C-alpha atoms as a PDB file:
ATOM      1  CA  UNK A   1     154.039 166.229  52.771  1.00  0.00           C
ATOM      2  CA  UNK A   2     150.693 168.781  51.908  1.00  0.00           C
ATOM      3  CA  UNK A   3     149.317 165.646  50.253  1.00  0.00           C
ATOM      4  CA  UNK A   4     149.704 163.472  53.173  1.00  0.00           C
ATOM      5  CA  UNK A   5     147.636 165.761  55.596  1.00  0.00           C
ATOM      6  CA  UNK A   6     144.760 165.639  53.376  1.00  0.00           C
ATOM      7  CA  UNK A   7     144.616 161.908  53.354  1.00  0.00           C
ATOM      8  CA  UNK A   8     143.385 161.808  56.964  1.00  0.00           C
ATOM      9  CA  UNK A   9     140.929 164.298  56.706  1.00  0.00           C
ATOM     10  CA  UNK A  10     139.408 162.394  53.855  1.00  0.00           C
ATOM     11  CA  UNK A  11     139.357 159.256  55.378  1.00  0.00           C
ATOM     12  CA  UNK A  12     137.621 160.624  58.448  1.00  0.00           C
ATOM     13  CA  UNK A  13     135.112 162.080  56.207  1.00  0.00           C
ATOM     14  CA  UNK A  14     134.210 158.797  54.423  1.00  0.00           C
ATOM     15  CA  UNK A  15     133.855 157.134  57.799  1.00  0.00           C
ATOM     16  CA  UNK A  16     131.597 159.602  59.535  1.00  0.00           C
ATOM     17  CA  UNK A  17     129.350 159.203  56.184  1.00  0.00           C
ATOM     18  CA  UNK A  18     129.531 156.056  56.344  1.00  0.00           C
ATOM     19  CA  UNK A  19     128.088 155.855  60.249  1.00  0.00           C
ATOM     20  CA  UNK A  20     125.417 158.251  59.405  1.00  0.00           C
ATOM     21  CA  UNK A  21     124.417 156.166  56.830  1.00  0.00           C
ATOM     22  CA  UNK A  22     124.810 153.060  58.629  1.00  0.00           C
ATOM     23  CA  UNK A  23     122.368 154.457  61.572  1.00  0.00           C
ATOM     24  CA  UNK A  24     120.318 155.392  59.005  1.00  0.00           C
ATOM     25  CA  UNK A  25     119.625 152.249  57.597  1.00  0.00           C
ATOM     26  CA  UNK A  26     119.514 150.611  60.908  1.00  0.00           C
ATOM     27  CA  UNK A  27     116.733 153.121  61.528  1.00  0.00           C
ATOM     28  CA  UNK A  28     114.748 152.947  58.781  1.00  0.00           C
ATOM     29  CA  UNK A  29     114.857 148.652  59.295  1.00  0.00           C
ATOM     30  CA  UNK A  30     113.562 149.229  62.644  1.00  0.00           C
ATOM     31  CA  UNK A  31     110.602 151.140  61.164  1.00  0.00           C
ATOM     32  CA  UNK A  32     110.372 148.675  58.610  1.00  0.00           C
ATOM     33  CA  UNK A  33     110.112 145.307  60.649  1.00  0.00           C
ATOM     34  CA  UNK A  34     107.841 147.472  63.292  1.00  0.00           C
ATOM     35  CA  UNK A  35     105.530 148.351  60.844  1.00  0.00           C
ATOM     36  CA  UNK A  36     105.232 144.638  59.639  1.00  0.00           C
ATOM     37  CA  UNK A  37     104.284 143.246  63.198  1.00  0.00           C
ATOM     38  CA  UNK A  38     101.974 145.872  63.405  1.00  0.00           C
ATOM     39  CA  UNK A  39     100.080 145.068  60.336  1.00  0.00           C
ATOM     40  CA  UNK A  40     100.420 141.356  60.562  1.00  0.00           C
ATOM     41  CA  UNK A  41      99.355 141.846  64.373  1.00  0.00           C
ATOM     42  CA  UNK A  42      96.269 144.104  63.231  1.00  0.00           C
ATOM     43  CA  UNK A  43      95.432 141.082  60.937  1.00  0.00           C
ATOM     44  CA  UNK A  44      95.559 138.344  63.848  1.00  0.00           C
ATOM     45  CA  UNK A  45      94.064 140.637  66.641  1.00  0.00           C
ATOM     46  CA  UNK A  46      92.570 137.925  68.580  1.00  0.00           C
ATOM     47  CA  UNK A  47      96.463 135.962  68.847  1.00  0.00           C
ATOM     48  CA  UNK A  48      97.364 140.101  69.374  1.00  0.00           C
ATOM     49  CA  UNK A  49      94.937 140.145  72.107  1.00  0.00           C
ATOM     50  CA  UNK A  50      95.619 136.643  73.627  1.00  0.00           C
ATOM     51  CA  UNK A  51      99.817 137.472  73.575  1.00  0.00           C
ATOM     52  CA  UNK A  52      99.038 141.144  75.633  1.00  0.00           C
ATOM     53  CA  UNK A  53      96.139 139.943  77.968  1.00  0.00           C
ATOM     54  CA  UNK A  54      97.174 136.274  79.172  1.00  0.00           C
ATOM     55  CA  UNK A  55      99.770 137.089  81.818  1.00  0.00           C
ATOM     56  CA  UNK A  56      97.380 139.595  83.504  1.00  0.00           C
ATOM     57  CA  UNK A  57      94.453 136.693  83.352  1.00  0.00           C
ATOM     58  CA  UNK A  58      96.312 134.108  84.944  1.00  0.00           C
ATOM     59  CA  UNK A  59      97.766 137.223  87.822  1.00  0.00           C
ATOM     60  CA  UNK A  60      94.592 137.470  88.171  1.00  0.00           C
ATOM     61  CA  UNK A  61      93.332 133.799  88.228  1.00  0.00           C
ATOM     62  CA  UNK A  62      95.900 132.981  91.334  1.00  0.00           C
ATOM     63  CA  UNK A  63      94.885 136.273  93.371  1.00  0.00           C
ATOM     64  CA  UNK A  64      91.475 135.125  93.303  1.00  0.00           C
ATOM     65  CA  UNK A  65      92.387 131.383  94.435  1.00  0.00           C
ATOM     66  CA  UNK A  66      94.218 132.750  97.363  1.00  0.00           C
ATOM     67  CA  UNK A  67      91.508 134.771  98.093  1.00  0.00           C
ATOM     68  CA  UNK A  68      89.499 131.733  97.644  1.00  0.00           C
ATOM     69  CA  UNK A  69      91.891 129.797  99.735  1.00  0.00           C
ATOM     70  CA  UNK A  70      91.909 131.773 102.634  1.00  0.00           C
ATOM     71  CA  UNK A  71      87.990 132.574 102.896  1.00  0.00           C
ATOM     72  CA  UNK A  72      87.731 128.843 103.134  1.00  0.00           C
ATOM     73  CA  UNK A  73      90.307 128.549 106.107  1.00  0.00           C
ATOM     74  CA  UNK A  74      89.428 131.892 107.639  1.00  0.00           C
ATOM     75  CA  UNK A  75      88.803 130.518 111.101  1.00  0.00           C
ATOM     76  CA  UNK A  76      92.573 128.428 111.279  1.00  0.00           C
ATOM     77  CA  UNK A  77      95.439 130.152 113.209  1.00  0.00           C
ATOM     78  CA  UNK A  78      97.287 129.618 109.914  1.00  0.00           C
ATOM     79  CA  UNK A  79      95.521 132.870 108.109  1.00  0.00           C
ATOM     80  CA  UNK A  80      94.189 134.292 111.233  1.00  0.00           C
ATOM     81  CA  UNK A  81      96.333 136.412 113.467  1.00  0.00           C
ATOM     82  CA  UNK A  82      95.440 135.026 117.380  1.00  0.00           C
ATOM     83  CA  UNK A  83      97.466 136.927 119.751  1.00  0.00           C
ATOM     84  CA  UNK A  84      95.421 135.482 122.830  1.00  0.00           C
ATOM     85  CA  UNK A  85      94.175 132.244 121.530  1.00  0.00           C
ATOM     86  CA  UNK A  86      91.321 130.747 124.059  1.00  0.00           C
ATOM     87  CA  UNK A  87      91.886 127.082 125.416  1.00  0.00           C
ATOM     88  CA  UNK A  88      89.916 124.474 124.368  1.00  0.00           C
ATOM     89  CA  UNK A  89      89.491 121.568 126.660  1.00  0.00           C
ATOM     90  CA  UNK A  90      89.592 118.050 124.901  1.00  0.00           C
ATOM     91  CA  UNK A  91      87.304 115.939 126.208  1.00  0.00           C
ATOM     92  CA  UNK A  92      87.919 113.181 124.758  1.00  0.00           C
ATOM     93  CA  UNK A  93      87.638 111.415 121.280  1.00  0.00           C
ATOM     94  CA  UNK A  94      84.943 111.779 118.707  1.00  0.00           C
ATOM     95  CA  UNK A  95      82.545 109.150 117.318  1.00  0.00           C
ATOM     96  CA  UNK A  96      83.034 107.859 114.166  1.00  0.00           C
ATOM     97  CA  UNK A  97      81.413 108.719 111.036  1.00  0.00           C
ATOM     98  CA  UNK A  98      80.487 106.336 108.604  1.00  0.00           C
ATOM     99  CA  UNK A  99      81.525 106.386 105.176  1.00  0.00           C
ATOM    100  CA  UNK A 100      80.782 103.038 104.114  1.00  0.00           C
ATOM    101  CA  UNK A 101      78.069 100.918 104.445  1.00  0.00           C
ATOM    102  CA  UNK A 102      79.041  98.304 106.877  1.00  0.00           C
ATOM    103  CA  UNK A 103      79.631 101.626 109.169  1.00  0.00           C
ATOM    104  CA  UNK A 104      82.855 102.747 110.888  1.00  0.00           C
ATOM    105  CA  UNK A 105      84.932 101.777 113.946  1.00  0.00           C
ATOM    106  CA  UNK A 106      86.200 104.452 116.615  1.00  0.00           C
ATOM    107  CA  UNK A 107      89.781 103.144 116.786  1.00  0.00           C
ATOM    108  CA  UNK A 108      91.699  99.759 116.367  1.00  0.00           C
ATOM    109  CA  UNK A 109      94.290  98.706 118.629  1.00  0.00           C
ATOM    110  CA  UNK A 110      97.404  95.759 118.820  1.00  0.00           C
ATOM    111  CA  UNK A 111      97.924  93.477 121.304  1.00  0.00           C
ATOM    112  CA  UNK A 112      94.907  91.864 121.982  1.00  0.00           C
ATOM    113  CA  UNK A 113      93.855  87.889 122.126  1.00  0.00           C
ATOM    114  CA  UNK A 114      92.271  87.745 118.555  1.00  0.00           C
ATOM    115  CA  UNK A 115      92.214  89.175 115.557  1.00  0.00           C
ATOM    116  CA  UNK A 116      89.474  91.420 115.186  1.00  0.00           C
ATOM    117  CA  UNK A 117      88.666  90.841 119.019  1.00  0.00           C
ATOM    118  CA  UNK A 118      85.744  93.120 120.371  1.00  0.00           C
ATOM    119  CA  UNK A 119      86.453  94.289 124.225  1.00  0.00           C
ATOM    120  CA  UNK A 120      83.644  94.028 125.773  1.00  0.00           C
ATOM    121  CA  UNK A 121      84.009  92.794 128.831  1.00  0.00           C
ATOM    122  CA  UNK A 122      86.027  94.088 132.029  1.00  0.00           C
ATOM    123  CA  UNK A 123      88.703  91.864 134.159  1.00  0.00           C
ATOM    124  CA  UNK A 124      89.205  92.698 137.989  1.00  0.00           C
ATOM    125  CA  UNK A 125      92.340  90.232 138.153  1.00  0.00           C
ATOM    126  CA  UNK A 126      95.245  88.952 135.085  1.00  0.00           C
ATOM    127  CA  UNK A 127      93.251  85.114 136.226  1.00  0.00           C
ATOM    128  CA  UNK A 128      89.822  85.717 134.747  1.00  0.00           C
ATOM    129  CA  UNK A 129      91.514  87.298 131.838  1.00  0.00           C
ATOM    130  CA  UNK A 130      93.867  84.368 131.812  1.00  0.00           C
ATOM    131  CA  UNK A 131      90.492  82.016 131.661  1.00  0.00           C
ATOM    132  CA  UNK A 132      89.250  83.962 128.593  1.00  0.00           C
ATOM    133  CA  UNK A 133      92.340  83.168 126.471  1.00  0.00           C
ATOM    134  CA  UNK A 134      92.491  80.628 123.465  1.00  0.00           C
ATOM    135  CA  UNK A 135      94.954  78.098 124.223  1.00  0.00           C
ATOM    136  CA  UNK A 136      97.425  79.115 121.845  1.00  0.00           C
ATOM    137  CA  UNK A 137      98.306  82.430 124.034  1.00  0.00           C
ATOM    138  CA  UNK A 138      97.811  80.127 127.201  1.00  0.00           C
ATOM    139  CA  UNK A 139     100.165  77.663 126.071  1.00  0.00           C
ATOM    140  CA  UNK A 140     102.710  80.699 125.400  1.00  0.00           C
ATOM    141  CA  UNK A 141     102.216  81.793 128.761  1.00  0.00           C
ATOM    142  CA  UNK A 142     102.745  78.744 130.820  1.00  0.00           C
ATOM    143  CA  UNK A 143     101.826  78.824 135.023  1.00  0.00           C
ATOM    144  CA  UNK A 144     101.040  82.471 134.488  1.00  0.00           C
ATOM    145  CA  UNK A 145      97.403  82.591 135.461  1.00  0.00           C
ATOM    146  CA  UNK A 146      98.295  83.691 139.414  1.00  0.00           C
ATOM    147  CA  UNK A 147     100.685  85.777 138.308  1.00  0.00           C
ATOM    148  CA  UNK A 148     100.096  89.716 139.404  1.00  0.00           C
ATOM    149  CA  UNK A 149     100.686  91.660 136.167  1.00  0.00           C
ATOM    150  CA  UNK A 150     100.751  95.100 137.373  1.00  0.00           C
ATOM    151  CA  UNK A 151     103.219  94.502 139.877  1.00  0.00           C
ATOM    152  CA  UNK A 152     105.332  91.604 138.640  1.00  0.00           C
ATOM    153  CA  UNK A 153     107.258  91.250 136.074  1.00  0.00           C
ATOM    154  CA  UNK A 154     108.048  87.604 134.638  1.00  0.00           C
ATOM    155  CA  UNK A 155     109.335  86.976 131.060  1.00  0.00           C
ATOM    156  CA  UNK A 156     107.443  84.269 130.662  1.00  0.00           C
ATOM    157  CA  UNK A 157     104.466  85.653 131.272  1.00  0.00           C
ATOM    158  CA  UNK A 158     105.118  88.535 128.942  1.00  0.00           C
ATOM    159  CA  UNK A 159     102.901  88.557 126.215  1.00  0.00           C
ATOM    160  CA  UNK A 160      99.697  87.374 128.178  1.00  0.00           C
ATOM    161  CA  UNK A 161     100.451  90.688 130.785  1.00  0.00           C
ATOM    162  CA  UNK A 162     101.341  92.967 128.159  1.00  0.00           C
ATOM    163  CA  UNK A 163      97.310  91.803 126.663  1.00  0.00           C
ATOM    164  CA  UNK A 164      96.069  92.386 129.838  1.00  0.00           C
ATOM    165  CA  UNK A 165      97.602  95.582 131.027  1.00  0.00           C
ATOM    166  CA  UNK A 166      96.413  97.093 127.433  1.00  0.00           C
ATOM    167  CA  UNK A 167      93.114  95.175 127.928  1.00  0.00           C
ATOM    168  CA  UNK A 168      92.856  97.803 131.228  1.00  0.00           C
ATOM    169  CA  UNK A 169      93.488 100.597 129.344  1.00  0.00           C
ATOM    170  CA  UNK A 170      91.319 100.279 126.490  1.00  0.00           C
ATOM    171  CA  UNK A 171      88.164  99.284 128.829  1.00  0.00           C
ATOM    172  CA  UNK A 172      89.461 102.372 130.900  1.00  0.00           C
ATOM    173  CA  UNK A 173      89.074 104.877 127.820  1.00  0.00           C
ATOM    174  CA  UNK A 174      86.338 103.073 126.317  1.00  0.00           C
ATOM    175  CA  UNK A 175      84.270 103.903 129.796  1.00  0.00           C
ATOM    176  CA  UNK A 176      85.427 107.021 130.797  1.00  0.00           C
ATOM    177  CA  UNK A 177      85.725 108.710 126.741  1.00  0.00           C
ATOM    178  CA  UNK A 178      84.964 112.684 127.196  1.00  0.00           C
ATOM    179  CA  UNK A 179      84.994 112.660 130.962  1.00  0.00           C
ATOM    180  CA  UNK A 180      85.811 116.516 132.242  1.00  0.00           C
ATOM    181  CA  UNK A 181      86.673 117.594 134.797  1.00  0.00           C
ATOM    182  CA  UNK A 182      84.769 120.855 134.604  1.00  0.00           C
ATOM    183  CA  UNK A 183      81.478 119.312 133.155  1.00  0.00           C
ATOM    184  CA  UNK A 184      81.726 115.960 135.081  1.00  0.00           C
ATOM    185  CA  UNK A 185      80.409 114.951 131.336  1.00  0.00           C
ATOM    186  CA  UNK A 186      81.490 111.244 129.833  1.00  0.00           C
ATOM    187  CA  UNK A 187      80.853 109.705 126.486  1.00  0.00           C
ATOM    188  CA  UNK A 188      81.326 106.497 126.533  1.00  0.00           C
ATOM    189  CA  UNK A 189      82.715 104.759 123.428  1.00  0.00           C
ATOM    190  CA  UNK A 190      80.506 101.213 122.887  1.00  0.00           C
ATOM    191  CA  UNK A 191      82.303  97.476 122.613  1.00  0.00           C
ATOM    192  CA  UNK A 192      81.199  97.630 118.849  1.00  0.00           C
ATOM    193  CA  UNK A 193      82.980 100.771 117.955  1.00  0.00           C
ATOM    194  CA  UNK A 194      86.193  99.102 118.685  1.00  0.00           C
ATOM    195  CA  UNK A 195      88.419  96.415 117.753  1.00  0.00           C
ATOM    196  CA  UNK A 196      91.446  94.763 118.664  1.00  0.00           C
ATOM    197  CA  UNK A 197      94.028  92.582 116.592  1.00  0.00           C
ATOM    198  CA  UNK A 198      97.276  90.141 117.447  1.00  0.00           C
ATOM    199  CA  UNK A 199      99.549  92.595 116.214  1.00  0.00           C
ATOM    200  CA  UNK A 200     100.376  95.992 114.045  1.00  0.00           C
ATOM    201  CA  UNK A 201     100.888  93.685 111.243  1.00  0.00           C
ATOM    202  CA  UNK A 202      97.220  92.006 111.881  1.00  0.00           C
ATOM    203  CA  UNK A 203      95.721  95.746 112.117  1.00  0.00           C
ATOM    204  CA  UNK A 204      97.312  96.793 109.480  1.00  0.00           C
ATOM    205  CA  UNK A 205      96.414  94.510 106.678  1.00  0.00           C
ATOM    206  CA  UNK A 206      92.721  94.886 108.301  1.00  0.00           C
ATOM    207  CA  UNK A 207      92.849  98.519 107.754  1.00  0.00           C
ATOM    208  CA  UNK A 208      94.343  98.285 104.282  1.00  0.00           C
ATOM    209  CA  UNK A 209      91.454  95.942 103.480  1.00  0.00           C
ATOM    210  CA  UNK A 210      88.691  97.949 104.802  1.00  0.00           C
ATOM    211  CA  UNK A 211      89.561 101.599 103.367  1.00  0.00           C
ATOM    212  CA  UNK A 212      87.831 104.802 105.188  1.00  0.00           C
ATOM    213  CA  UNK A 213      86.088 101.636 108.140  1.00  0.00           C
ATOM    214  CA  UNK A 214      88.856 102.712 111.214  1.00  0.00           C
ATOM    215  CA  UNK A 215      88.475 106.289 112.370  1.00  0.00           C
ATOM    216  CA  UNK A 216      92.104 105.736 114.323  1.00  0.00           C
ATOM    217  CA  UNK A 217      94.380 103.234 116.037  1.00  0.00           C
ATOM    218  CA  UNK A 218      96.351 102.211 119.049  1.00  0.00           C
ATOM    219  CA  UNK A 219      99.672 100.239 118.577  1.00  0.00           C
ATOM    220  CA  UNK A 220     100.662  99.578 122.704  1.00  0.00           C
ATOM    221  CA  UNK A 221     104.130  98.143 123.557  1.00  0.00           C
ATOM    222  CA  UNK A 222     104.367  97.273 127.289  1.00  0.00           C
ATOM    223  CA  UNK A 223     107.276  94.971 127.751  1.00  0.00           C
ATOM    224  CA  UNK A 224     107.130  95.246 131.856  1.00  0.00           C
ATOM    225  CA  UNK A 225     104.720  96.723 134.655  1.00  0.00           C
ATOM    226  CA  UNK A 226     107.172 100.058 134.143  1.00  0.00           C
ATOM    227  CA  UNK A 227     106.849 100.462 130.383  1.00  0.00           C
ATOM    228  CA  UNK A 228     103.853 101.054 128.724  1.00  0.00           C
ATOM    229  CA  UNK A 229     104.304 103.404 125.516  1.00  0.00           C
ATOM    230  CA  UNK A 230     101.980 103.588 122.547  1.00  0.00           C
ATOM    231  CA  UNK A 231     101.480 104.556 118.916  1.00  0.00           C
ATOM    232  CA  UNK A 232      98.563 106.859 117.128  1.00  0.00           C
ATOM    233  CA  UNK A 233      97.951 106.082 113.730  1.00  0.00           C
ATOM    234  CA  UNK A 234      95.813 108.609 112.117  1.00  0.00           C
ATOM    235  CA  UNK A 235      93.163 108.385 109.064  1.00  0.00           C
ATOM    236  CA  UNK A 236      93.675 111.869 107.258  1.00  0.00           C
ATOM    237  CA  UNK A 237      90.312 111.036 105.263  1.00  0.00           C
ATOM    238  CA  UNK A 238      88.535 110.820 108.743  1.00  0.00           C
ATOM    239  CA  UNK A 239      87.951 114.383 108.656  1.00  0.00           C
ATOM    240  CA  UNK A 240      85.024 115.980 106.880  1.00  0.00           C
ATOM    241  CA  UNK A 241      85.501 118.781 104.570  1.00  0.00           C
ATOM    242  CA  UNK A 242      82.856 121.147 104.646  1.00  0.00           C
ATOM    243  CA  UNK A 243      82.812 124.641 102.272  1.00  0.00           C
ATOM    244  CA  UNK A 244      83.897 127.428 104.384  1.00  0.00           C
ATOM    245  CA  UNK A 245      85.171 125.159 107.370  1.00  0.00           C
ATOM    246  CA  UNK A 246      88.184 122.702 107.523  1.00  0.00           C
ATOM    247  CA  UNK A 247      88.433 120.120 110.198  1.00  0.00           C
ATOM    248  CA  UNK A 248      92.070 118.793 110.795  1.00  0.00           C
ATOM    249  CA  UNK A 249      92.312 115.308 111.439  1.00  0.00           C
ATOM    250  CA  UNK A 250      95.209 115.833 113.916  1.00  0.00           C
ATOM    251  CA  UNK A 251      93.811 118.170 116.446  1.00  0.00           C
ATOM    252  CA  UNK A 252      89.822 116.584 116.097  1.00  0.00           C
ATOM    253  CA  UNK A 253      91.407 112.987 116.696  1.00  0.00           C
ATOM    254  CA  UNK A 254      94.563 112.740 116.739  1.00  0.00           C
ATOM    255  CA  UNK A 255      95.508 114.751 119.916  1.00  0.00           C
ATOM    256  CA  UNK A 256      91.998 113.424 121.450  1.00  0.00           C
ATOM    257  CA  UNK A 257      93.789 109.926 121.130  1.00  0.00           C
ATOM    258  CA  UNK A 258      96.684 110.655 122.820  1.00  0.00           C
ATOM    259  CA  UNK A 259      95.276 112.615 125.845  1.00  0.00           C
ATOM    260  CA  UNK A 260      92.853 109.866 126.528  1.00  0.00           C
ATOM    261  CA  UNK A 261      95.433 107.340 126.560  1.00  0.00           C
ATOM    262  CA  UNK A 262      98.054 108.962 129.032  1.00  0.00           C
ATOM    263  CA  UNK A 263      95.405 109.642 131.303  1.00  0.00           C
ATOM    264  CA  UNK A 264      94.110 105.798 131.537  1.00  0.00           C
ATOM    265  CA  UNK A 265      97.522 104.784 131.358  1.00  0.00           C
ATOM    266  CA  UNK A 266      98.151 106.633 134.402  1.00  0.00           C
ATOM    267  CA  UNK A 267      95.374 105.525 135.640  1.00  0.00           C
ATOM    268  CA  UNK A 268      95.312 101.556 135.263  1.00  0.00           C
ATOM    269  CA  UNK A 269      99.095 101.181 135.020  1.00  0.00           C
ATOM    270  CA  UNK A 270     101.102 103.094 137.171  1.00  0.00           C
ATOM    271  CA  UNK A 271      98.869 104.942 139.625  1.00  0.00           C
ATOM    272  CA  UNK A 272      96.122 102.536 140.162  1.00  0.00           C
ATOM    273  CA  UNK A 273      93.967 105.436 141.121  1.00  0.00           C
ATOM    274  CA  UNK A 274      90.509 105.380 139.421  1.00  0.00           C
ATOM    275  CA  UNK A 275      89.787 108.635 140.745  1.00  0.00           C
ATOM    276  CA  UNK A 276      92.712 109.950 138.772  1.00  0.00           C
ATOM    277  CA  UNK A 277      90.938 113.282 137.484  1.00  0.00           C
ATOM    278  CA  UNK A 278      93.108 115.563 134.982  1.00  0.00           C
ATOM    279  CA  UNK A 279      92.032 118.441 132.890  1.00  0.00           C
ATOM    280  CA  UNK A 280      93.300 119.111 129.406  1.00  0.00           C
ATOM    281  CA  UNK A 281      93.417 122.430 127.141  1.00  0.00           C
ATOM    282  CA  UNK A 282      95.215 123.173 123.837  1.00  0.00           C
ATOM    283  CA  UNK A 283      96.074 126.729 123.178  1.00  0.00           C
END
């Protein structure tokens, strides 16, 4: 029985000794490996420096890029706190800035009597407009010369009447572009800065073939005298980007195109009042 009591104590002592030896061995290995890595790091000091400071360098780079973006767009409301913005009155479509040698077009539109049509003439009545239409369109609108496209809905005259209503709106926004209730200023768009097309497909082909030539485009749709809608196509590269100042294509070109078109549609198609005035400001 006495021998049986000595064995567990002897085993416990051996376990403690083995544990201590293991810890000492681990400590020695850690110390040796650390010393080895320090020696290698000292020999390859360039690599060691890059490993330590590379993360700090990229953090600094991100910070500088962020500060540069904030400085460049400092006047934009997206980075500037504007609790009470001042209303900015929109007067009309700005003139296009030439980006290619042959110049530029302020806007194109569809539908029109011909491809690359130049809307340089006003028509008091549909009969005058019908006279100048190409023969192919006259054949598509038989017995329509005496139709009143602003009051009557004649299915056989839909194509020609739609072009007439679109032409009146286009000529109206060309003549009254930039008109302001407060300043009474008018900045007309010259006929050579506007071009029309038979349909949207032909207009898109022209725009793709002549890159950076058209500032913006209208696609009008007026199946009858009670309906007149439109789509605005925006040239995203039409806005100039100057260091320290950025011009939004949407606010600079698309919004004025929308406002002017709405005004002229109301004036020429629905109200039929040439003296109709509207003042619109963006806040």
